[in-house]
Amino acid sequence: MITEESALSILQLDGSATAEEITARYEALKFQYKKIKDETGDLKTRLAYQLKQIELDDVYIYFRRKQRI
């Protein structure tokens, strides 16, 4: 289960982050993880970054439900 503390940790932000900062960080990490996943030939790395993308989506959903973004 995701908590606010873990969600902010995943995004590497602190508790004072604004909605714009949360969204920008989510989009930047999502793009970065997708790029790494797409550019690697190693299956283990691809799967690891796919899991990171899923985790980011969970964080985004968490903040949407809490109406922080």
Protein backbone atom coordinates (compact mmCIF):
# COMPACT_ATOMS: atom_id res chain seq x y z
CA MET A 1 0.00 0.00 0.00
CA ILE A 2 1.26 3.42 -0.92
CA THR A 3 1.46 6.14 1.69
CA GLU A 4 2.14 9.81 1.09
CA GLU A 5 5.63 9.38 2.50
CA SER A 6 6.46 6.47 0.19
CA ALA A 7 4.91 8.22 -2.81
CA LEU A 8 7.02 11.33 -2.21
CA SER A 9 10.08 9.14 -1.70
CA ILE A 10 9.52 7.40 -5.03
CA LEU A 11 9.31 10.79 -6.73
CA GLN A 12 12.28 12.03 -4.66
CA LEU A 13 10.31 15.05 -3.41
CA ASP A 14 9.57 16.45 0.02
CA GLY A 15 6.21 17.06 1.68
CA SER A 16 6.03 20.68 0.54
CA ALA A 17 5.94 19.72 -3.16
CA THR A 18 3.26 21.48 -5.18
CA ALA A 19 0.90 19.79 -7.62
CA GLU A 20 2.97 21.15 -10.50
CA GLU A 21 6.20 19.76 -9.02
CA ILE A 22 4.63 16.35 -8.44
CA THR A 23 3.28 16.20 -11.99
CA ALA A 24 6.53 17.42 -13.54
CA ARG A 25 8.59 14.92 -11.57
CA TYR A 26 6.21 12.08 -12.48
CA GLU A 27 6.44 12.93 -16.19
CA ALA A 28 10.22 13.30 -16.10
CA LEU A 29 10.76 9.97 -14.35
CA LYS A 30 8.21 8.22 -16.57
CA PHE A 31 10.05 9.44 -19.68
CA GLN A 32 13.46 8.54 -18.24
CA TYR A 33 12.36 5.02 -17.26
CA LYS A 34 10.70 4.43 -20.63
CA LYS A 35 13.84 5.54 -22.46
CA ILE A 36 16.07 3.23 -20.40
CA LYS A 37 13.64 0.33 -20.80
CA ASP A 38 13.40 0.81 -24.56
CA GLU A 39 17.14 1.21 -25.12
CA THR A 40 18.37 -1.81 -23.19
CA GLY A 41 18.62 -5.28 -24.59
CA ASP A 42 18.83 -6.92 -21.20
CA LEU A 43 15.52 -8.55 -20.26
CA LYS A 44 16.14 -8.20 -16.53
CA THR A 45 16.72 -4.44 -16.88
CA ARG A 46 13.66 -4.06 -19.11
CA LEU A 47 11.48 -5.79 -16.53
CA ALA A 48 12.94 -3.75 -13.67
CA TYR A 49 12.16 -0.48 -15.43
CA GLN A 50 8.72 -1.69 -16.41
CA LEU A 51 8.06 -2.29 -12.70
CA LYS A 52 9.35 1.20 -11.93
CA GLN A 53 6.90 2.62 -14.49
CA ILE A 54 4.03 0.73 -12.85
CA GLU A 55 5.13 2.04 -9.46
CA LEU A 56 5.12 5.60 -10.85
CA ASP A 57 1.61 5.10 -12.19
CA ASP A 58 0.50 3.91 -8.76
CA VAL A 59 1.97 7.06 -7.21
CA TYR A 60 0.17 9.22 -9.77
CA ILE A 61 -3.13 7.48 -9.01
CA TYR A 62 -2.52 7.90 -5.27
CA PHE A 63 -2.04 11.66 -5.62
CA ARG A 64 -5.08 11.95 -7.91
CA ARG A 65 -7.25 10.19 -5.34
CA LYS A 66 -5.92 12.43 -2.58
CA GLN A 67 -6.64 15.42 -4.86
CA ARG A 68 -3.09 16.71 -4.62
CA ILE A 69 -2.85 16.91 -8.40
